[in-house]
Amino acid sequence: QVQLVESGGGLVQLGGSLSLSCVASGAIFRINALGWYRQAPGKQRELVATIFSGGSTKYADSVKGRFTISRDNAKNTVYLQMSSLKPEDTAVYYCYAHTYSGFDHWGQGTQVTVSS
């Protein structure tokens, strides 16, 4: 099993920045990719960013150039640095881990609210 604990959400003004962290524990060796999804009220969950074990990254078009995903393998932590935030970035952000066997594990979610 993989456990994920997020932190760093909160309220930020339009154009501001916020950083999210997610610490992974448990069967770390099974993780192929780490990343972030988000879900706004009344909308489907959306993939925001992914970082693979080799270091390559993938972003949703809506966040390219504004968000940066990174990982610290020594700390088993994945980060999401968000800048130039917009009201449409308001959502619950979920950390996820995708294992080599094809399973997904999820964190509990952290609220990000961007006020205009």
C-alpha atoms as a PDB file:
ATOM      1  CA  GLN A   1       0.000   0.000   0.000  1.00  0.00           C
ATOM      2  CA  VAL A   2       0.977   3.598  -0.618  1.00  0.00           C
ATOM      3  CA  GLN A   3      -0.112   6.407   1.664  1.00  0.00           C
ATOM      4  CA  LEU A   4      -0.179  10.030   0.549  1.00  0.00           C
ATOM      5  CA  VAL A   5      -0.523  13.114   2.735  1.00  0.00           C
ATOM      6  CA  GLU A   6      -0.984  16.532   1.153  1.00  0.00           C
ATOM      7  CA  SER A   7      -0.399  19.939   2.651  1.00  0.00           C
ATOM      8  CA  GLY A   8      -0.181  23.537   1.552  1.00  0.00           C
ATOM      9  CA  GLY A   9      -3.636  24.447   0.336  1.00  0.00           C
ATOM     10  CA  GLY A  10      -5.370  27.653   1.293  1.00  0.00           C
ATOM     11  CA  LEU A  11      -6.791  30.956   0.153  1.00  0.00           C
ATOM     12  CA  VAL A  12      -4.847  33.140  -2.251  1.00  0.00           C
ATOM     13  CA  GLN A  13      -5.661  36.222  -4.278  1.00  0.00           C
ATOM     14  CA  LEU A  14      -5.883  36.420  -8.046  1.00  0.00           C
ATOM     15  CA  GLY A  15      -2.403  36.317  -9.521  1.00  0.00           C
ATOM     16  CA  GLY A  16      -0.858  34.934  -6.359  1.00  0.00           C
ATOM     17  CA  SER A  17       1.216  31.834  -5.741  1.00  0.00           C
ATOM     18  CA  LEU A  18       0.811  28.730  -3.648  1.00  0.00           C
ATOM     19  CA  SER A  19       2.795  25.563  -3.182  1.00  0.00           C
ATOM     20  CA  LEU A  20       1.414  22.116  -2.437  1.00  0.00           C
ATOM     21  CA  SER A  21       3.351  19.197  -0.998  1.00  0.00           C
ATOM     22  CA  CYS A  22       2.580  15.502  -0.855  1.00  0.00           C
ATOM     23  CA  VAL A  23       4.563  12.998   1.168  1.00  0.00           C
ATOM     24  CA  ALA A  24       4.408   9.384   0.097  1.00  0.00           C
ATOM     25  CA  SER A  25       4.993   6.464   2.452  1.00  0.00           C
ATOM     26  CA  GLY A  26       4.578   2.724   2.424  1.00  0.00           C
ATOM     27  CA  ALA A  27       5.405   0.776  -0.727  1.00  0.00           C
ATOM     28  CA  ILE A  28       7.348   3.609  -2.358  1.00  0.00           C
ATOM     29  CA  PHE A  29       9.218   1.226  -4.640  1.00  0.00           C
ATOM     30  CA  ARG A  30       5.950   0.448  -6.432  1.00  0.00           C
ATOM     31  CA  ILE A  31       5.420   4.038  -7.572  1.00  0.00           C
ATOM     32  CA  ASN A  32       5.905   4.800 -11.250  1.00  0.00           C
ATOM     33  CA  ALA A  33       4.467   8.288 -11.273  1.00  0.00           C
ATOM     34  CA  LEU A  34       3.304  10.941  -8.851  1.00  0.00           C
ATOM     35  CA  GLY A  35       1.065  13.833  -9.602  1.00  0.00           C
ATOM     36  CA  TRP A  36      -1.881  16.011  -8.906  1.00  0.00           C
ATOM     37  CA  TYR A  37      -5.521  16.006  -9.907  1.00  0.00           C
ATOM     38  CA  ARG A  38      -8.067  18.640  -9.022  1.00  0.00           C
ATOM     39  CA  GLN A  39     -11.825  18.738  -8.784  1.00  0.00           C
ATOM     40  CA  ALA A  40     -13.919  21.860  -8.758  1.00  0.00           C
ATOM     41  CA  PRO A  41     -17.543  21.846  -7.565  1.00  0.00           C
ATOM     42  CA  GLY A  42     -19.812  20.320 -10.167  1.00  0.00           C
ATOM     43  CA  LYS A  43     -16.914  19.346 -12.435  1.00  0.00           C
ATOM     44  CA  GLN A  44     -15.059  16.151 -13.197  1.00  0.00           C
ATOM     45  CA  ARG A  45     -11.698  15.439 -11.695  1.00  0.00           C
ATOM     46  CA  GLU A  46      -8.972  16.884 -13.918  1.00  0.00           C
ATOM     47  CA  LEU A  47      -5.374  15.780 -14.246  1.00  0.00           C
ATOM     48  CA  VAL A  48      -3.159  18.769 -13.458  1.00  0.00           C
ATOM     49  CA  ALA A  49       0.403  17.491 -13.583  1.00  0.00           C
ATOM     50  CA  THR A  50       2.400  14.287 -13.446  1.00  0.00           C
ATOM     51  CA  ILE A  51       6.041  13.520 -12.827  1.00  0.00           C
ATOM     52  CA  PHE A  52       7.330  10.100 -13.804  1.00  0.00           C
ATOM     53  CA  SER A  53      10.035   8.064 -12.115  1.00  0.00           C
ATOM     54  CA  GLY A  54      12.510   9.081 -14.809  1.00  0.00           C
ATOM     55  CA  GLY A  55      11.824  12.742 -14.152  1.00  0.00           C
ATOM     56  CA  SER A  56       9.726  13.619 -17.176  1.00  0.00           C
ATOM     57  CA  THR A  57       6.672  15.742 -16.578  1.00  0.00           C
ATOM     58  CA  LYS A  58       3.268  16.301 -18.114  1.00  0.00           C
ATOM     59  CA  TYR A  59       0.864  19.177 -17.591  1.00  0.00           C
ATOM     60  CA  ALA A  60      -2.706  20.028 -18.416  1.00  0.00           C
ATOM     61  CA  ASP A  61      -2.876  22.758 -21.044  1.00  0.00           C
ATOM     62  CA  SER A  62      -4.732  24.982 -18.602  1.00  0.00           C
ATOM     63  CA  VAL A  63      -1.750  25.151 -16.224  1.00  0.00           C
ATOM     64  CA  LYS A  64       1.241  25.041 -18.568  1.00  0.00           C
ATOM     65  CA  GLY A  65       3.630  27.876 -17.869  1.00  0.00           C
ATOM     66  CA  ARG A  66       2.018  28.600 -14.506  1.00  0.00           C
ATOM     67  CA  PHE A  67       2.415  25.379 -12.518  1.00  0.00           C
ATOM     68  CA  THR A  68       5.562  23.374 -11.895  1.00  0.00           C
ATOM     69  CA  ILE A  69       5.692  19.849 -10.563  1.00  0.00           C
ATOM     70  CA  SER A  70       8.816  18.492  -8.937  1.00  0.00           C
ATOM     71  CA  ARG A  71       9.858  15.701  -6.631  1.00  0.00           C
ATOM     72  CA  ASP A  72      12.425  15.099  -3.941  1.00  0.00           C
ATOM     73  CA  ASN A  73      13.147  11.385  -3.937  1.00  0.00           C
ATOM     74  CA  ALA A  74      15.124  11.571  -0.718  1.00  0.00           C
ATOM     75  CA  LYS A  75      12.053  12.939   1.047  1.00  0.00           C
ATOM     76  CA  ASN A  76       9.511  10.892  -0.937  1.00  0.00           C
ATOM     77  CA  THR A  77       7.763  14.167  -1.642  1.00  0.00           C
ATOM     78  CA  VAL A  78       6.152  15.661  -4.715  1.00  0.00           C
ATOM     79  CA  TYR A  79       5.519  19.386  -4.991  1.00  0.00           C
ATOM     80  CA  LEU A  80       3.231  21.536  -7.063  1.00  0.00           C
ATOM     81  CA  GLN A  81       4.291  25.152  -7.338  1.00  0.00           C
ATOM     82  CA  MET A  82       1.390  27.237  -8.610  1.00  0.00           C
ATOM     83  CA  SER A  83       1.717  30.816  -9.773  1.00  0.00           C
ATOM     84  CA  SER A  84      -0.409  33.365 -11.602  1.00  0.00           C
ATOM     85  CA  LEU A  85      -3.399  31.720 -10.006  1.00  0.00           C
ATOM     86  CA  LYS A  86      -6.858  32.311 -11.417  1.00  0.00           C
ATOM     87  CA  PRO A  87     -10.315  31.828  -9.924  1.00  0.00           C
ATOM     88  CA  GLU A  88     -10.780  28.825 -12.207  1.00  0.00           C
ATOM     89  CA  ASP A  89      -7.908  27.122 -10.393  1.00  0.00           C
ATOM     90  CA  THR A  90     -10.137  26.907  -7.333  1.00  0.00           C
ATOM     91  CA  ALA A  91     -10.624  23.236  -6.531  1.00  0.00           C
ATOM     92  CA  VAL A  92      -9.752  20.443  -4.188  1.00  0.00           C
ATOM     93  CA  TYR A  93      -6.306  19.214  -5.210  1.00  0.00           C
ATOM     94  CA  TYR A  94      -5.535  15.523  -4.811  1.00  0.00           C
ATOM     95  CA  CYS A  95      -2.120  13.956  -4.829  1.00  0.00           C
ATOM     96  CA  TYR A  96      -1.956  10.593  -6.551  1.00  0.00           C
ATOM     97  CA  ALA A  97       0.548   7.820  -7.042  1.00  0.00           C
ATOM     98  CA  HIS A  98       0.426   5.423  -9.966  1.00  0.00           C
ATOM     99  CA  THR A  99       2.146   2.110  -9.417  1.00  0.00           C
ATOM    100  CA  TYR A 100       3.916  -0.127 -11.897  1.00  0.00           C
ATOM    101  CA  SER A 101       1.122  -2.673 -11.439  1.00  0.00           C
ATOM    102  CA  GLY A 102      -1.461  -0.150 -12.575  1.00  0.00           C
ATOM    103  CA  PHE A 103      -3.039   0.876  -9.292  1.00  0.00           C
ATOM    104  CA  ASP A 104      -3.734   4.451  -8.245  1.00  0.00           C
ATOM    105  CA  HIS A 105      -3.514   5.704  -4.699  1.00  0.00           C
ATOM    106  CA  TRP A 106      -4.943   9.000  -3.529  1.00  0.00           C
ATOM    107  CA  GLY A 107      -4.394  11.544  -0.840  1.00  0.00           C
ATOM    108  CA  GLN A 108      -7.212  13.093   1.140  1.00  0.00           C
ATOM    109  CA  GLY A 109      -7.222  16.315  -0.848  1.00  0.00           C
ATOM    110  CA  THR A 110      -6.432  19.905  -0.007  1.00  0.00           C
ATOM    111  CA  GLN A 111      -8.565  22.937  -0.837  1.00  0.00           C
ATOM    112  CA  VAL A 112      -7.168  25.732  -2.993  1.00  0.00           C
ATOM    113  CA  THR A 113      -9.299  28.843  -3.295  1.00  0.00           C
ATOM    114  CA  VAL A 114      -8.390  31.773  -5.523  1.00  0.00           C
ATOM    115  CA  SER A 115     -10.281  34.955  -4.796  1.00  0.00           C
ATOM    116  CA  SER A 116     -10.848  37.679  -7.327  1.00  0.00           C
END
